[in-house]
């Protein structure tokens, strides 16, 4: 660590944090007896905190964001140079970085043509919900306004996105929520709703159609799904699932919204998670890895067919998408995103994500042969999870305190991993891993070794 602050300065920083910062996802009572952790520097996949301790980050900034790693001077330089030239103008006008990044992004997304900028994944998803509602009013007499979402999926922190939250603990105590959001069943075969069957993927898709038929196809405007469920347990879709989901949406004229906030921009070894499955979405949203956390940016992309629905009557002052994101006009985001994309391409990080992802999955599967606490290993690319159980035969979930103890043990040994957290009562039992796309074989092996040791000590 090359920090410039002296130890006394660091203690002042820690006390300022304790006294004034309201941390995310944290019970602050603990800070009455322990110091908050303050990170001061990052390089590659390493972080250093205010005490000088070094950590290997296996969750890319805590929430699967820093896809190209820490300390990328070229991204910082691109942002600095752009801010000096032009830092902001509202999205009602264009900018050079926004125009150029939209072009580069759409090149990676055959079938998509338009990019709407905002500054968080929650906001990107809210934009889709508003678009679907406006389409319903303008083109379907207000009927096709319902938005379906899937159990275990997560789409953001706003009241609108929490209304579409398939993780009950995330939404608990924040209602009442907007009406018109309807849940469909999950697709986790390990926790099959249908018992042991040979065609689970098709049955899980059929369950979505049953909800559409129950609600009435003429009332359902969109289906919002993660390509691979993230915080709900790192759930990769079963065989036959996505093909049937696509067919169901087309037959019932339901717009398909793919939430790529976690999976997008290389995380799964493809530019986008949905591209593994031959899906043709109407909307794709993204945030986290778009600029690897070097600037705030999110994108709502759509097809030209969707875009044209807002051009049908230019004489009507209410016909266009009457929405704005203030900080969607910041040019730092697309400037950082352009350089982030260049790095991924020039350093072949999609291929590295695939190769190191296979190494990570192999390592976790090897651990499952030694540790009965691992019930199932799941993942795609550098986006992996291990569901922990108390009993393999019954698949009883491991106690949440033990799962968190594994996370804490890894942290104590210098490796930061994650776990499903405040999501599903009784099922916050999956370890979550999302190392940066730059991960080396040594990095992957150290992550696996840390989990191995933690499982041995905790279980």
Protein backbone atom coordinates (compact mmCIF):
# COMPACT_ATOMS: atom_id res chain seq x y z
CA UNK A 1 0.00 0.00 0.00
CA UNK A 2 1.32 3.43 -0.94
CA UNK A 3 -1.06 5.53 1.12
CA UNK A 4 0.02 9.07 1.94
CA UNK A 5 -1.90 9.35 5.22
CA UNK A 6 -0.06 8.75 8.52
CA UNK A 7 -1.44 6.32 11.11
CA UNK A 8 -2.86 9.19 13.20
CA UNK A 9 -4.62 10.51 10.10
CA UNK A 10 -6.06 7.05 9.49
CA UNK A 11 -7.55 6.91 12.97
CA UNK A 12 -9.16 10.28 12.34
CA UNK A 13 -10.65 8.90 9.12
CA UNK A 14 -11.97 5.83 10.93
CA UNK A 15 -13.55 7.98 13.64
CA UNK A 16 -15.11 10.27 11.03
CA UNK A 17 -16.57 7.20 9.32
CA UNK A 18 -17.91 5.83 12.61
CA UNK A 19 -19.51 9.15 13.51
CA UNK A 20 -21.03 10.18 10.20
CA UNK A 21 -21.18 7.52 7.44
CA UNK A 22 -24.35 5.46 7.10
CA UNK A 23 -23.07 2.23 5.56
CA UNK A 24 -25.08 0.09 3.17
CA UNK A 25 -26.44 -3.29 4.27
CA UNK A 26 -24.97 -3.02 7.75
CA UNK A 27 -26.20 -3.07 11.35
CA UNK A 28 -24.30 -0.19 12.90
CA UNK A 29 -24.63 -1.34 16.50
CA UNK A 30 -21.45 -3.32 15.87
CA UNK A 31 -19.47 -0.10 15.43
CA UNK A 32 -19.97 0.74 19.10
CA UNK A 33 -17.36 -1.90 19.93
CA UNK A 34 -15.41 -2.42 16.68
CA UNK A 35 -13.92 -0.11 14.08
CA UNK A 36 -15.59 0.20 10.70
CA UNK A 37 -13.45 -1.14 7.87
CA UNK A 38 -12.18 1.63 5.60
CA UNK A 39 -10.48 0.71 2.32
CA UNK A 40 -7.85 3.12 1.11
CA UNK A 41 -6.28 1.61 -2.01
CA UNK A 42 -6.82 -1.01 -4.70
CA UNK A 43 -4.59 -2.51 -7.37
CA UNK A 44 -5.59 -5.33 -9.68
CA UNK A 45 -7.56 -7.67 -7.44
CA UNK A 46 -5.93 -6.49 -4.19
CA UNK A 47 -7.29 -4.06 -1.62
CA UNK A 48 -5.66 -2.45 1.41
CA UNK A 49 -7.57 -1.11 4.39
CA UNK A 50 -6.73 1.71 6.79
CA UNK A 51 -4.79 -0.67 9.05
CA UNK A 52 -2.56 -1.74 6.15
CA UNK A 53 -4.07 -5.22 5.77
CA UNK A 54 -4.12 -6.70 2.27
CA UNK A 55 -7.10 -8.57 0.84
CA UNK A 56 -7.80 -10.53 -2.33
CA UNK A 57 -11.18 -9.34 -3.59
CA UNK A 58 -13.27 -12.24 -4.94
CA UNK A 59 -16.48 -10.19 -5.26
CA UNK A 60 -15.29 -7.27 -7.41
CA UNK A 61 -16.01 -4.42 -5.03
CA UNK A 62 -18.47 -6.29 -2.81
CA UNK A 63 -21.30 -6.31 -5.35
CA UNK A 64 -19.81 -7.76 -8.58
CA UNK A 65 -18.85 -4.43 -10.13
CA UNK A 66 -15.10 -3.88 -10.64
CA UNK A 67 -14.85 -6.13 -13.70
CA UNK A 68 -11.43 -4.93 -14.93
CA UNK A 69 -9.84 -4.59 -11.50
CA UNK A 70 -8.57 -1.69 -9.43
CA UNK A 71 -6.04 0.98 -10.30
CA UNK A 72 -6.76 1.39 -14.02
CA UNK A 73 -5.01 4.67 -14.74
CA UNK A 74 -6.22 4.74 -18.35
CA UNK A 75 -9.86 4.83 -17.25
CA UNK A 76 -9.14 7.54 -14.70
CA UNK A 77 -7.27 9.52 -17.35
CA UNK A 78 -10.14 9.17 -19.84
CA UNK A 79 -12.59 10.45 -17.23
CA UNK A 80 -10.34 13.33 -16.15
CA UNK A 81 -9.70 14.47 -19.71
CA UNK A 82 -13.40 14.37 -20.54
CA UNK A 83 -14.46 16.23 -17.39
CA UNK A 84 -12.11 19.09 -18.19
CA UNK A 85 -13.50 19.33 -21.71
CA UNK A 86 -17.19 18.85 -20.86
CA UNK A 87 -18.49 17.33 -17.65
CA UNK A 88 -22.23 17.49 -18.11
CA UNK A 89 -25.25 18.41 -20.11
CA UNK A 90 -28.70 16.92 -19.62
CA UNK A 91 -29.61 13.90 -21.72
CA UNK A 92 -31.95 16.04 -23.81
CA UNK A 93 -28.82 16.75 -25.87
CA UNK A 94 -25.94 14.50 -26.86
CA UNK A 95 -22.25 14.26 -26.05
CA UNK A 96 -19.31 12.65 -27.83
CA UNK A 97 -18.73 9.89 -25.22
CA UNK A 98 -22.45 9.04 -25.05
CA UNK A 99 -22.73 8.79 -28.83
CA UNK A 100 -19.56 6.74 -29.26
CA UNK A 101 -20.24 4.35 -26.38
CA UNK A 102 -23.80 3.73 -27.53
CA UNK A 103 -22.42 2.79 -30.95
CA UNK A 104 -19.79 0.45 -29.48
CA UNK A 105 -22.30 -1.10 -27.10
CA UNK A 106 -24.93 -1.79 -29.75
CA UNK A 107 -22.25 -3.49 -31.87
CA UNK A 108 -22.09 -6.11 -29.09
CA UNK A 109 -25.87 -6.58 -28.95
CA UNK A 110 -27.38 -7.77 -32.27
CA UNK A 111 -31.06 -6.85 -32.41
CA UNK A 112 -30.79 -3.91 -30.01
CA UNK A 113 -30.52 -0.37 -31.39
CA UNK A 114 -31.16 2.27 -28.71
CA UNK A 115 -29.44 3.26 -25.44
CA UNK A 116 -31.04 5.33 -22.67
CA UNK A 117 -28.51 6.54 -20.06
CA UNK A 118 -29.07 6.80 -16.33
CA UNK A 119 -26.88 6.13 -13.30
CA UNK A 120 -27.88 2.93 -11.45
CA UNK A 121 -29.26 -0.51 -12.16
CA UNK A 122 -32.39 0.29 -10.19
CA UNK A 123 -32.99 3.35 -12.34
CA UNK A 124 -32.31 1.46 -15.57
CA UNK A 125 -34.97 -1.10 -14.63
CA UNK A 126 -37.42 1.60 -13.54
CA UNK A 127 -37.11 3.10 -17.02
CA UNK A 128 -38.26 -0.18 -18.57
CA UNK A 129 -41.22 -0.39 -16.19
CA UNK A 130 -42.26 3.14 -17.16
CA UNK A 131 -41.81 2.40 -20.86
CA UNK A 132 -43.99 -0.71 -20.56
CA UNK A 133 -46.69 1.24 -18.72
CA UNK A 134 -46.65 4.04 -21.29
CA UNK A 135 -46.82 1.52 -24.15
CA UNK A 136 -49.82 -0.07 -22.44
CA UNK A 137 -51.64 3.26 -22.23
CA UNK A 138 -50.78 4.45 -25.73
CA UNK A 139 -51.14 1.21 -27.68
CA UNK A 140 -53.26 -1.21 -25.62
CA UNK A 141 -55.93 0.92 -24.03
CA UNK A 142 -54.14 0.67 -20.70
CA UNK A 143 -54.67 -3.10 -20.54
CA UNK A 144 -51.20 -4.65 -20.96
CA UNK A 145 -49.71 -2.93 -17.93
CA UNK A 146 -48.80 -5.86 -15.68
CA UNK A 147 -45.13 -6.69 -15.24
CA UNK A 148 -44.12 -10.22 -14.31
CA UNK A 149 -40.99 -10.93 -12.26
CA UNK A 150 -39.44 -14.15 -11.01
CA UNK A 151 -39.11 -15.53 -7.52
CA UNK A 152 -35.50 -15.15 -6.27
CA UNK A 153 -34.63 -12.44 -8.86
CA UNK A 154 -33.70 -8.91 -7.77
CA UNK A 155 -34.00 -5.71 -9.78
CA UNK A 156 -33.21 -2.78 -7.51
CA UNK A 157 -33.85 -0.69 -4.42
CA UNK A 158 -36.54 1.78 -5.51
CA UNK A 159 -40.19 1.20 -4.62
CA UNK A 160 -40.95 0.28 -8.22
CA UNK A 161 -38.16 -2.26 -8.48
CA UNK A 162 -38.94 -3.63 -5.01
CA UNK A 163 -42.47 -4.21 -6.26
CA UNK A 164 -40.78 -6.55 -8.76
CA UNK A 165 -38.53 -8.16 -6.16
CA UNK A 166 -38.46 -11.93 -5.88
CA UNK A 167 -36.53 -11.77 -2.60
CA UNK A 168 -39.01 -11.18 0.24
CA UNK A 169 -36.50 -9.96 2.80
CA UNK A 170 -35.28 -7.25 0.44
CA UNK A 171 -38.78 -5.83 0.20
CA UNK A 172 -39.94 -6.46 3.77
CA UNK A 173 -41.08 -3.34 5.70
CA UNK A 174 -40.85 -1.10 2.62
CA UNK A 175 -44.40 -1.48 1.31
CA UNK A 176 -47.04 -0.78 0.25
CA UNK A 177 -45.79 -1.11 -3.31
CA UNK A 178 -47.21 -0.07 -6.69
CA UNK A 179 -49.82 -2.44 -8.07
CA UNK A 180 -49.53 -4.50 -11.22
CA UNK A 181 -46.43 -6.56 -10.45
CA UNK A 182 -46.94 -10.33 -10.44
CA UNK A 183 -44.49 -13.06 -9.39
CA UNK A 184 -43.71 -16.19 -11.41
CA UNK A 185 -41.93 -19.29 -10.01
CA UNK A 186 -38.14 -19.66 -9.85
CA UNK A 187 -36.11 -22.03 -12.04
CA UNK A 188 -33.71 -23.56 -9.50
CA UNK A 189 -33.80 -27.28 -10.21
CA UNK A 190 -31.92 -28.05 -6.98
CA UNK A 191 -35.01 -26.69 -5.18
CA UNK A 192 -37.52 -28.15 -7.66
CA UNK A 193 -41.18 -27.25 -7.14
CA UNK A 194 -42.22 -30.31 -9.14
CA UNK A 195 -40.21 -33.06 -7.49
CA UNK A 196 -37.71 -35.05 -9.52
CA UNK A 197 -38.55 -34.63 -13.21
CA UNK A 198 -36.67 -35.06 -16.48
CA UNK A 199 -37.83 -31.81 -18.11
CA UNK A 200 -37.54 -29.34 -15.25
CA UNK A 201 -36.54 -26.41 -17.50
CA UNK A 202 -39.64 -26.76 -19.65
CA UNK A 203 -41.87 -27.16 -16.60
CA UNK A 204 -40.41 -24.05 -14.98
CA UNK A 205 -41.12 -22.12 -18.18
CA UNK A 206 -44.64 -23.58 -18.37
CA UNK A 207 -45.21 -22.21 -14.87
CA UNK A 208 -44.65 -18.72 -16.26
CA UNK A 209 -47.22 -19.30 -18.98
CA UNK A 210 -49.72 -20.51 -16.37
CA UNK A 211 -49.37 -17.15 -14.59
CA UNK A 212 -49.87 -15.28 -17.88
CA UNK A 213 -53.01 -17.31 -18.63
CA UNK A 214 -54.31 -16.81 -15.09
CA UNK A 215 -53.79 -13.03 -15.24
CA UNK A 216 -54.97 -12.80 -18.85
CA UNK A 217 -52.48 -12.33 -21.72
CA UNK A 218 -54.18 -9.07 -22.65
CA UNK A 219 -53.17 -7.65 -19.24
CA UNK A 220 -49.50 -8.67 -19.22
CA UNK A 221 -47.07 -6.19 -20.79
CA UNK A 222 -43.63 -7.53 -19.88
CA UNK A 223 -41.65 -10.28 -18.23
CA UNK A 224 -38.55 -9.14 -16.32
CA UNK A 225 -35.86 -11.78 -15.67
CA UNK A 226 -32.18 -12.03 -14.84
CA UNK A 227 -30.41 -14.29 -17.38
CA UNK A 228 -28.70 -15.96 -14.41
CA UNK A 229 -30.20 -15.16 -11.02
CA UNK A 230 -27.56 -13.39 -8.93
CA UNK A 231 -28.28 -12.54 -5.29
CA UNK A 232 -31.05 -15.11 -5.14
CA UNK A 233 -28.52 -17.94 -5.24
CA UNK A 234 -26.45 -17.77 -8.48
CA UNK A 235 -29.03 -19.81 -10.42
CA UNK A 236 -28.07 -20.91 -13.93
CA UNK A 237 -31.13 -21.72 -16.07
CA UNK A 238 -31.95 -25.40 -16.67
CA UNK A 239 -31.92 -26.94 -20.15
CA UNK A 240 -34.91 -26.02 -22.27
CA UNK A 241 -35.91 -23.09 -20.09
CA UNK A 242 -34.98 -20.04 -22.11
CA UNK A 243 -36.14 -21.47 -25.45
CA UNK A 244 -39.61 -21.98 -24.04
CA UNK A 245 -39.69 -18.64 -22.22
CA UNK A 246 -38.91 -16.88 -25.49
CA UNK A 247 -41.68 -18.78 -27.27
CA UNK A 248 -44.20 -17.97 -24.51
CA UNK A 249 -43.43 -14.25 -24.69
CA UNK A 250 -43.77 -14.19 -28.46
CA UNK A 251 -47.06 -16.12 -28.50
CA UNK A 252 -48.65 -13.86 -25.89
CA UNK A 253 -47.11 -10.56 -27.12
CA UNK A 254 -45.28 -10.05 -23.83
CA UNK A 255 -42.19 -7.85 -23.99
CA UNK A 256 -39.08 -9.59 -22.65
CA UNK A 257 -36.88 -7.52 -20.34
CA UNK A 258 -33.49 -9.02 -19.47
CA UNK A 259 -31.82 -7.52 -16.39
CA UNK A 260 -28.05 -7.73 -17.01
CA UNK A 261 -27.06 -5.41 -14.15
CA UNK A 262 -24.90 -8.19 -12.66
CA UNK A 263 -24.24 -10.48 -15.64
CA UNK A 264 -23.49 -7.84 -18.25
CA UNK A 265 -20.19 -6.71 -19.79
CA UNK A 266 -18.17 -9.90 -19.53
CA UNK A 267 -19.04 -11.35 -16.15
CA UNK A 268 -20.23 -14.68 -17.58
CA UNK A 269 -17.59 -14.99 -20.31
CA UNK A 270 -19.82 -13.40 -22.96
CA UNK A 271 -20.59 -9.71 -23.37
CA UNK A 272 -24.03 -10.42 -21.89
CA UNK A 273 -25.45 -13.38 -20.02
CA UNK A 274 -28.48 -13.72 -22.26
CA UNK A 275 -26.19 -14.33 -25.24
CA UNK A 276 -25.38 -17.81 -23.94
CA UNK A 277 -28.99 -18.85 -24.50
CA UNK A 278 -30.06 -17.49 -27.88
CA UNK A 279 -32.53 -15.00 -26.39
CA UNK A 280 -33.95 -12.10 -28.42
CA UNK A 281 -34.99 -9.54 -25.80
CA UNK A 282 -37.00 -6.36 -26.24
CA UNK A 283 -35.14 -4.58 -23.41
CA UNK A 284 -31.74 -5.16 -21.81
CA UNK A 285 -30.61 -3.23 -18.75
CA UNK A 286 -27.08 -3.01 -17.34
CA UNK A 287 -25.01 -1.08 -14.81
CA UNK A 288 -22.29 -2.42 -12.47
CA UNK A 289 -19.60 -3.65 -14.89
CA UNK A 290 -20.36 -1.11 -17.63
CA UNK A 291 -17.61 1.15 -16.28
CA UNK A 292 -16.26 -1.21 -13.59
CA UNK A 293 -17.19 1.28 -10.88
CA UNK A 294 -14.90 4.03 -12.19
CA UNK A 295 -17.96 6.21 -12.87
CA UNK A 296 -21.69 5.90 -12.28
CA UNK A 297 -23.53 4.74 -15.39
CA UNK A 298 -26.39 2.48 -16.37
CA UNK A 299 -28.03 1.76 -19.69
CA UNK A 300 -31.51 0.76 -20.76
CA UNK A 301 -31.31 -0.65 -24.28
CA UNK A 302 -34.20 -1.52 -26.56
CA UNK A 303 -35.03 -2.67 -30.06
CA UNK A 304 -36.00 -0.20 -32.76
CA UNK A 305 -39.52 -1.66 -32.67
CA UNK A 306 -39.91 -0.60 -29.05
CA UNK A 307 -38.32 2.79 -29.74
CA UNK A 308 -40.73 3.46 -32.61
CA UNK A 309 -43.71 3.01 -30.30
CA UNK A 310 -42.79 6.41 -28.84
CA UNK A 311 -42.71 8.14 -32.26
CA UNK A 312 -46.20 7.22 -33.47
CA UNK A 313 -47.86 10.63 -33.04
CA UNK A 314 -45.43 13.59 -32.93
CA UNK A 315 -48.37 16.00 -32.81
CA UNK A 316 -49.35 14.59 -29.40
CA UNK A 317 -47.23 16.28 -26.68
CA UNK A 318 -47.70 13.20 -24.45
CA UNK A 319 -46.58 10.62 -27.01
CA UNK A 320 -42.81 10.50 -26.36
CA UNK A 321 -40.99 8.98 -23.37
CA UNK A 322 -41.33 11.87 -20.90
CA UNK A 323 -38.54 10.86 -18.56
CA UNK A 324 -35.17 12.22 -17.51
CA UNK A 325 -32.25 11.01 -15.41
CA UNK A 326 -30.32 14.00 -14.14
CA UNK A 327 -26.99 12.22 -13.85
CA UNK A 328 -27.64 10.27 -17.03
CA UNK A 329 -26.25 13.46 -18.55
CA UNK A 330 -22.83 13.03 -16.91
CA UNK A 331 -20.22 12.27 -19.54
CA UNK A 332 -17.84 10.58 -17.08
CA UNK A 333 -19.90 7.38 -17.32
CA UNK A 334 -19.71 6.74 -21.07
CA UNK A 335 -16.11 8.01 -21.16
CA UNK A 336 -15.16 5.42 -18.54
CA UNK A 337 -17.29 2.77 -20.27
CA UNK A 338 -15.50 3.24 -23.59
CA UNK A 339 -12.10 2.67 -22.01
CA UNK A 340 -13.47 -0.21 -19.91
CA UNK A 341 -14.69 -1.92 -23.09
CA UNK A 342 -11.35 -1.35 -24.82
CA UNK A 343 -9.53 -3.01 -21.93
CA UNK A 344 -11.84 -6.05 -22.02
CA UNK A 345 -11.24 -6.44 -25.75
CA UNK A 346 -7.50 -5.74 -25.85
CA UNK A 347 -6.72 -7.99 -22.88
CA UNK A 348 -9.02 -10.82 -24.06
CA UNK A 349 -10.86 -10.75 -20.75
CA UNK A 350 -13.94 -12.58 -22.05
CA UNK A 351 -11.75 -15.57 -22.82
CA UNK A 352 -10.01 -15.22 -19.47
CA UNK A 353 -13.38 -15.14 -17.71
CA UNK A 354 -14.35 -18.38 -19.43
CA UNK A 355 -11.06 -20.11 -18.67
CA UNK A 356 -10.71 -18.93 -15.08
CA UNK A 357 -14.42 -19.55 -14.55
CA UNK A 358 -13.91 -23.20 -15.48
CA UNK A 359 -10.95 -23.35 -13.10
CA UNK A 360 -13.07 -21.86 -10.31
CA UNK A 361 -15.95 -24.25 -10.96
CA UNK A 362 -13.54 -27.21 -11.03
CA UNK A 363 -12.07 -26.05 -7.74
CA UNK A 364 -15.47 -25.69 -6.09
CA UNK A 365 -16.59 -29.08 -7.38
CA UNK A 366 -13.42 -30.60 -5.95
CA UNK A 367 -14.26 -29.00 -2.61
CA UNK A 368 -17.72 -30.56 -2.76
CA UNK A 369 -16.08 -33.98 -2.78
CA UNK A 370 -14.35 -33.16 0.51
CA UNK A 371 -17.00 -31.06 2.23
CA UNK A 372 -20.49 -32.44 2.77
CA UNK A 373 -21.63 -28.89 3.51
CA UNK A 374 -21.58 -28.08 -0.23
CA UNK A 375 -24.90 -29.15 -1.70
CA UNK A 376 -24.51 -27.80 -5.23
CA UNK A 377 -22.06 -25.70 -7.24
CA UNK A 378 -23.48 -23.37 -9.92
CA UNK A 379 -22.18 -20.69 -12.23
CA UNK A 380 -21.13 -19.35 -15.61
CA UNK A 381 -17.81 -17.63 -16.31
CA UNK A 382 -16.48 -15.73 -13.29
CA UNK A 383 -19.90 -15.73 -11.66
CA UNK A 384 -20.13 -18.75 -9.36
CA UNK A 385 -21.91 -19.94 -6.26
CA UNK A 386 -21.85 -22.85 -3.82
CA UNK A 387 -25.05 -23.63 -1.94
CA UNK A 388 -24.32 -24.83 1.58
CA UNK A 389 -26.50 -27.43 3.30
CA UNK A 390 -26.85 -29.01 6.70
CA UNK A 391 -27.73 -32.37 5.14
CA UNK A 392 -27.02 -33.42 1.57
CA UNK A 393 -29.68 -36.12 1.53
CA UNK A 394 -32.52 -33.82 2.60
CA UNK A 395 -30.94 -30.65 1.14
CA UNK A 396 -31.76 -28.82 4.35
CA UNK A 397 -30.14 -25.37 4.02
CA UNK A 398 -27.14 -24.62 6.20
CA UNK A 399 -27.78 -22.27 9.09
CA UNK A 400 -27.29 -18.69 7.95
CA UNK A 401 -24.94 -18.00 10.84
CA UNK A 402 -22.64 -20.78 9.66
CA UNK A 403 -22.68 -19.43 6.09
CA UNK A 404 -21.73 -15.99 7.36
CA UNK A 405 -19.03 -17.59 9.52
CA UNK A 406 -17.47 -19.03 6.35
CA UNK A 407 -17.48 -15.54 4.80
CA UNK A 408 -15.94 -14.07 7.97
CA UNK A 409 -13.28 -16.79 8.13
CA UNK A 410 -12.23 -16.08 4.53
CA UNK A 411 -12.04 -12.37 5.35
CA UNK A 412 -9.90 -13.13 8.39
CA UNK A 413 -7.54 -15.00 6.07
CA UNK A 414 -7.37 -12.14 3.57
CA UNK A 415 -9.92 -13.23 0.95
CA UNK A 416 -13.21 -11.36 0.46
CA UNK A 417 -16.13 -13.56 -0.64
CA UNK A 418 -19.88 -12.99 -0.51
CA UNK A 419 -23.07 -14.83 0.35
CA UNK A 420 -26.78 -14.40 -0.27
CA UNK A 421 -27.82 -11.81 2.29
CA UNK A 422 -31.22 -10.66 3.62
CA UNK A 423 -32.90 -12.14 0.59
CA UNK A 424 -34.84 -15.35 1.21
CA UNK A 425 -35.95 -16.48 4.68
CA UNK A 426 -34.22 -19.77 5.42
CA UNK A 427 -32.33 -19.78 2.14
CA UNK A 428 -29.55 -17.23 2.60
CA UNK A 429 -27.14 -20.12 2.23
CA UNK A 430 -25.20 -19.66 -1.02
CA UNK A 431 -21.60 -18.48 -1.18
CA UNK A 432 -21.19 -15.96 -4.02
CA UNK A 433 -18.02 -15.42 -6.03
CA UNK A 434 -17.35 -12.88 -8.76
CA UNK A 435 -13.63 -12.19 -9.11
CA UNK A 436 -12.54 -9.53 -11.57
CA UNK A 437 -12.21 -10.67 -15.18
CA UNK A 438 -8.42 -10.25 -14.82
CA UNK A 439 -8.18 -13.11 -12.30
CA UNK A 440 -5.15 -15.37 -12.67
CA UNK A 441 -4.85 -19.08 -11.94
CA UNK A 442 -3.05 -18.22 -8.69
CA UNK A 443 -5.88 -15.89 -7.68
CA UNK A 444 -8.49 -18.57 -8.33
CA UNK A 445 -6.51 -21.19 -6.42
CA UNK A 446 -6.14 -18.89 -3.42
CA UNK A 447 -9.90 -18.23 -3.37
CA UNK A 448 -10.61 -21.97 -3.43
CA UNK A 449 -8.02 -22.61 -0.72
CA UNK A 450 -9.56 -19.95 1.52
CA UNK A 451 -13.02 -21.50 1.16
CA UNK A 452 -11.56 -24.96 1.77
CA UNK A 453 -10.00 -23.82 5.03
CA UNK A 454 -13.08 -21.92 6.12
CA UNK A 455 -15.39 -24.89 5.53
CA UNK A 456 -13.03 -27.10 7.52
CA UNK A 457 -12.95 -24.70 10.45
CA UNK A 458 -16.64 -23.74 10.47
CA UNK A 459 -18.29 -27.09 9.66
